[in-house]
Amino acid sequence: MKFQQEINEKFGDPQRTPLSDKDLAEFKGLDFFKIDSAFIVKAHFLRTPAEAPFRMQTTTDRKPVYVKYGELYFKIKGEDFKLNVFQNQELISDPEYYNYLFLPFTDLTNGETTYSGGRYLDLRIPEGDSILLDFNKAYNPYCAYSGNFSCPIVPADNHLEIAIPAGIKNFK
């Protein structure tokens, strides 16, 4: 609930919103799935230290440098899944984001009840070999709200063959 409140406050703030003036004038709040504990999962975190930096594709010509930081292994509804997690190489020098990890993913809700381009989760580097994934905090890239933004495109390897009806729904 705190996540939903904070993101709605951000979107309602003319200084921080990705919404157009027209959409902001009509904004009443983002549409979320009902919070579901089935989509809060403990993942095994496997660090992949030998990865080479690469330029991630975006919705524009911008190509930020990322490195695959690790792999996350987890179960949802009894099925095994794996997602790659990334670290933006520009952010590691920022004291606020030095331990920030980026988890873009697609699932079977994309283009139906969620944004067709996938959604994101923000994580922090775990101290051990596990990390909590709360898909109830899955959010849309700013590109879902306006074409004025450059958003990373979810790598094909980060597709989940399951519906994740958690987090933010498609913006209408």
Protein backbone atom coordinates (compact mmCIF):
# COMPACT_ATOMS: atom_id res chain seq x y z
CA MET A 1 0.00 0.00 0.00
CA LYS A 2 2.88 2.37 0.79
CA PHE A 3 4.33 1.78 -2.70
CA GLN A 4 0.95 2.56 -4.29
CA GLN A 5 0.54 5.73 -2.25
CA GLU A 6 4.06 6.98 -3.01
CA ILE A 7 3.83 6.37 -6.75
CA ASN A 8 0.40 8.03 -6.95
CA GLU A 9 1.81 11.07 -5.11
CA LYS A 10 4.70 11.22 -7.58
CA PHE A 11 2.38 10.97 -10.58
CA GLY A 12 0.10 13.67 -9.16
CA ASP A 13 3.03 16.08 -8.66
CA PRO A 14 3.45 18.33 -11.73
CA GLN A 15 7.22 18.55 -11.03
CA ARG A 16 7.78 14.76 -11.03
CA THR A 17 5.05 13.21 -13.16
CA PRO A 18 5.65 11.57 -16.53
CA LEU A 19 2.04 12.38 -17.48
CA SER A 20 1.08 14.91 -20.14
CA ASP A 21 -0.68 18.06 -18.94
CA LYS A 22 -3.97 16.65 -20.26
CA ASP A 23 -3.52 13.30 -18.47
CA LEU A 24 -2.37 15.01 -15.28
CA ALA A 25 -5.49 17.20 -15.25
CA GLU A 26 -7.63 14.03 -15.30
CA PHE A 27 -5.36 11.94 -13.02
CA LYS A 28 -7.14 10.27 -10.10
CA GLY A 29 -4.57 7.54 -9.43
CA LEU A 30 -2.93 4.60 -11.16
CA ASP A 31 -4.78 1.32 -11.52
CA PHE A 32 -3.25 -1.51 -9.50
CA PHE A 33 -3.95 -5.19 -9.20
CA LYS A 34 -5.16 -6.28 -5.78
CA ILE A 35 -2.14 -6.95 -3.56
CA ASP A 36 -1.45 -10.67 -3.67
CA SER A 37 1.09 -12.37 -1.37
CA ALA A 38 1.48 -15.18 -3.95
CA PHE A 39 3.58 -12.69 -5.93
CA ILE A 40 5.97 -11.90 -3.08
CA VAL A 41 8.66 -14.54 -3.46
CA LYS A 42 12.08 -15.25 -2.05
CA ALA A 43 14.57 -15.71 -4.87
CA HIS A 44 17.98 -17.34 -4.79
CA PHE A 45 20.45 -14.67 -5.90
CA LEU A 46 23.42 -15.90 -7.92
CA ARG A 47 26.08 -13.23 -8.54
CA THR A 48 27.58 -13.32 -12.05
CA PRO A 49 30.81 -11.31 -11.60
CA ALA A 50 32.47 -12.05 -14.97
CA GLU A 51 29.85 -10.29 -17.11
CA ALA A 52 30.94 -7.69 -19.65
CA PRO A 53 29.23 -4.28 -19.75
CA PHE A 54 26.82 -3.81 -22.66
CA ARG A 55 24.63 -1.10 -24.14
CA MET A 56 20.99 -1.84 -23.38
CA GLN A 57 18.47 -1.15 -26.13
CA THR A 58 15.92 1.55 -25.34
CA THR A 59 12.87 3.01 -27.02
CA THR A 60 15.11 5.77 -28.45
CA ASP A 61 18.68 6.00 -29.72
CA ARG A 62 19.97 6.29 -26.13
CA LYS A 63 21.94 3.19 -25.09
CA PRO A 64 22.86 3.23 -21.38
CA VAL A 65 25.63 0.93 -20.19
CA TYR A 66 24.53 -1.95 -17.96
CA VAL A 67 26.13 -5.11 -16.70
CA LYS A 68 24.28 -8.31 -15.90
CA TYR A 69 24.81 -8.38 -12.14
CA GLY A 70 23.19 -11.66 -11.27
CA GLU A 71 20.52 -14.27 -11.79
CA LEU A 72 17.42 -14.75 -9.69
CA TYR A 73 15.90 -18.22 -9.29
CA PHE A 74 12.44 -18.51 -7.76
CA LYS A 75 9.10 -20.31 -7.77
CA ILE A 76 5.65 -18.91 -8.40
CA LYS A 77 2.68 -21.20 -7.94
CA GLY A 78 4.99 -24.21 -7.94
CA GLU A 79 6.74 -23.34 -11.22
CA ASP A 80 10.48 -22.55 -11.49
CA PHE A 81 11.61 -19.27 -13.04
CA LYS A 82 14.81 -17.34 -13.68
CA LEU A 83 15.33 -13.64 -14.33
CA ASN A 84 18.52 -11.69 -14.96
CA VAL A 85 19.08 -8.57 -12.89
CA PHE A 86 21.17 -5.63 -14.12
CA GLN A 87 23.23 -2.75 -12.76
CA ASN A 88 23.38 0.61 -14.52
CA GLN A 89 27.05 1.57 -14.74
CA GLU A 90 26.35 5.31 -14.51
CA LEU A 91 24.43 4.98 -11.25
CA ILE A 92 27.10 3.10 -9.28
CA SER A 93 28.96 6.37 -8.61
CA ASP A 94 25.80 7.96 -7.14
CA PRO A 95 25.73 7.52 -3.31
CA GLU A 96 21.95 7.04 -3.41
CA TYR A 97 22.00 4.36 -6.13
CA TYR A 98 25.40 2.63 -5.78
CA ASN A 99 23.68 -0.63 -4.79
CA TYR A 100 20.66 -0.28 -7.09
CA LEU A 101 19.66 -3.21 -9.30
CA PHE A 102 17.28 -3.08 -12.24
CA LEU A 103 14.89 -5.95 -12.97
CA PRO A 104 12.94 -5.54 -16.22
CA PHE A 105 10.53 -8.35 -17.11
CA THR A 106 7.67 -9.35 -19.34
CA ASP A 107 4.95 -11.86 -18.56
CA LEU A 108 1.68 -13.14 -19.99
CA THR A 109 -0.28 -10.05 -18.87
CA ASN A 110 1.63 -7.72 -21.23
CA GLY A 111 -0.57 -6.17 -23.87
CA GLU A 112 -3.66 -7.40 -22.02
CA THR A 113 -3.93 -5.96 -18.51
CA THR A 114 -0.41 -4.52 -18.32
CA TYR A 115 1.81 -2.39 -20.53
CA SER A 116 2.83 -4.25 -23.69
CA GLY A 117 6.52 -3.40 -23.27
CA GLY A 118 6.85 -5.04 -19.87
CA ARG A 119 7.36 -3.74 -16.36
CA TYR A 120 10.21 -3.08 -13.97
CA LEU A 121 11.18 -3.78 -10.37
CA ASP A 122 13.78 -1.81 -8.42
CA LEU A 123 16.00 -3.82 -6.10
CA ARG A 124 19.07 -3.35 -3.91
CA ILE A 125 22.10 -5.64 -3.90
CA PRO A 126 21.40 -8.28 -1.25
CA GLU A 127 23.89 -9.05 1.50
CA GLY A 128 23.45 -12.79 1.13
CA ASP A 129 22.34 -15.22 -1.53
CA SER A 130 18.62 -14.45 -1.40
CA ILE A 131 16.46 -11.49 -2.32
CA LEU A 132 12.77 -10.74 -1.90
CA LEU A 133 10.87 -10.10 -5.14
CA ASP A 134 7.61 -8.25 -4.58
CA PHE A 135 5.82 -8.17 -7.91
CA ASN A 136 3.13 -6.04 -6.24
CA LYS A 137 5.68 -3.23 -6.73
CA ALA A 138 6.04 -3.87 -10.48
CA TYR A 139 5.72 -0.59 -12.34
CA ASN A 140 5.45 0.61 -15.92
CA PRO A 141 8.30 2.41 -17.66
CA TYR A 142 7.62 6.09 -18.29
CA CYS A 143 7.16 5.21 -21.97
CA ALA A 144 3.80 3.72 -21.02
CA TYR A 145 2.63 7.24 -20.19
CA SER A 146 4.40 9.38 -22.78
CA GLY A 147 6.55 8.96 -25.87
CA ASN A 148 8.85 11.70 -24.53
CA PHE A 149 10.90 9.20 -22.51
CA SER A 150 13.69 6.79 -23.34
CA CYS A 151 13.05 3.47 -21.61
CA PRO A 152 15.11 0.27 -21.52
CA ILE A 153 13.59 -2.54 -23.56
CA VAL A 154 13.16 -5.77 -21.59
CA PRO A 155 15.72 -8.34 -22.77
CA ALA A 156 14.09 -11.44 -24.31
CA ASP A 157 15.67 -13.64 -21.59
CA ASN A 158 13.57 -11.87 -18.96
CA HIS A 159 10.20 -13.17 -20.14
CA LEU A 160 8.11 -15.15 -17.65
CA GLU A 161 5.76 -17.77 -19.11
CA ILE A 162 3.17 -17.02 -16.44
CA ALA A 163 0.73 -14.19 -15.82
CA ILE A 164 1.84 -11.85 -13.03
CA PRO A 165 -1.39 -10.03 -12.08
CA ALA A 166 0.39 -7.84 -9.53
CA GLY A 167 1.63 -4.27 -9.49
CA ILE A 168 0.53 -1.51 -11.84
CA LYS A 169 -1.93 -2.20 -14.62
CA ASN A 170 -1.91 -0.69 -18.10
CA PHE A 171 -2.46 3.08 -18.21
CA LYS A 172 -5.60 4.16 -20.01
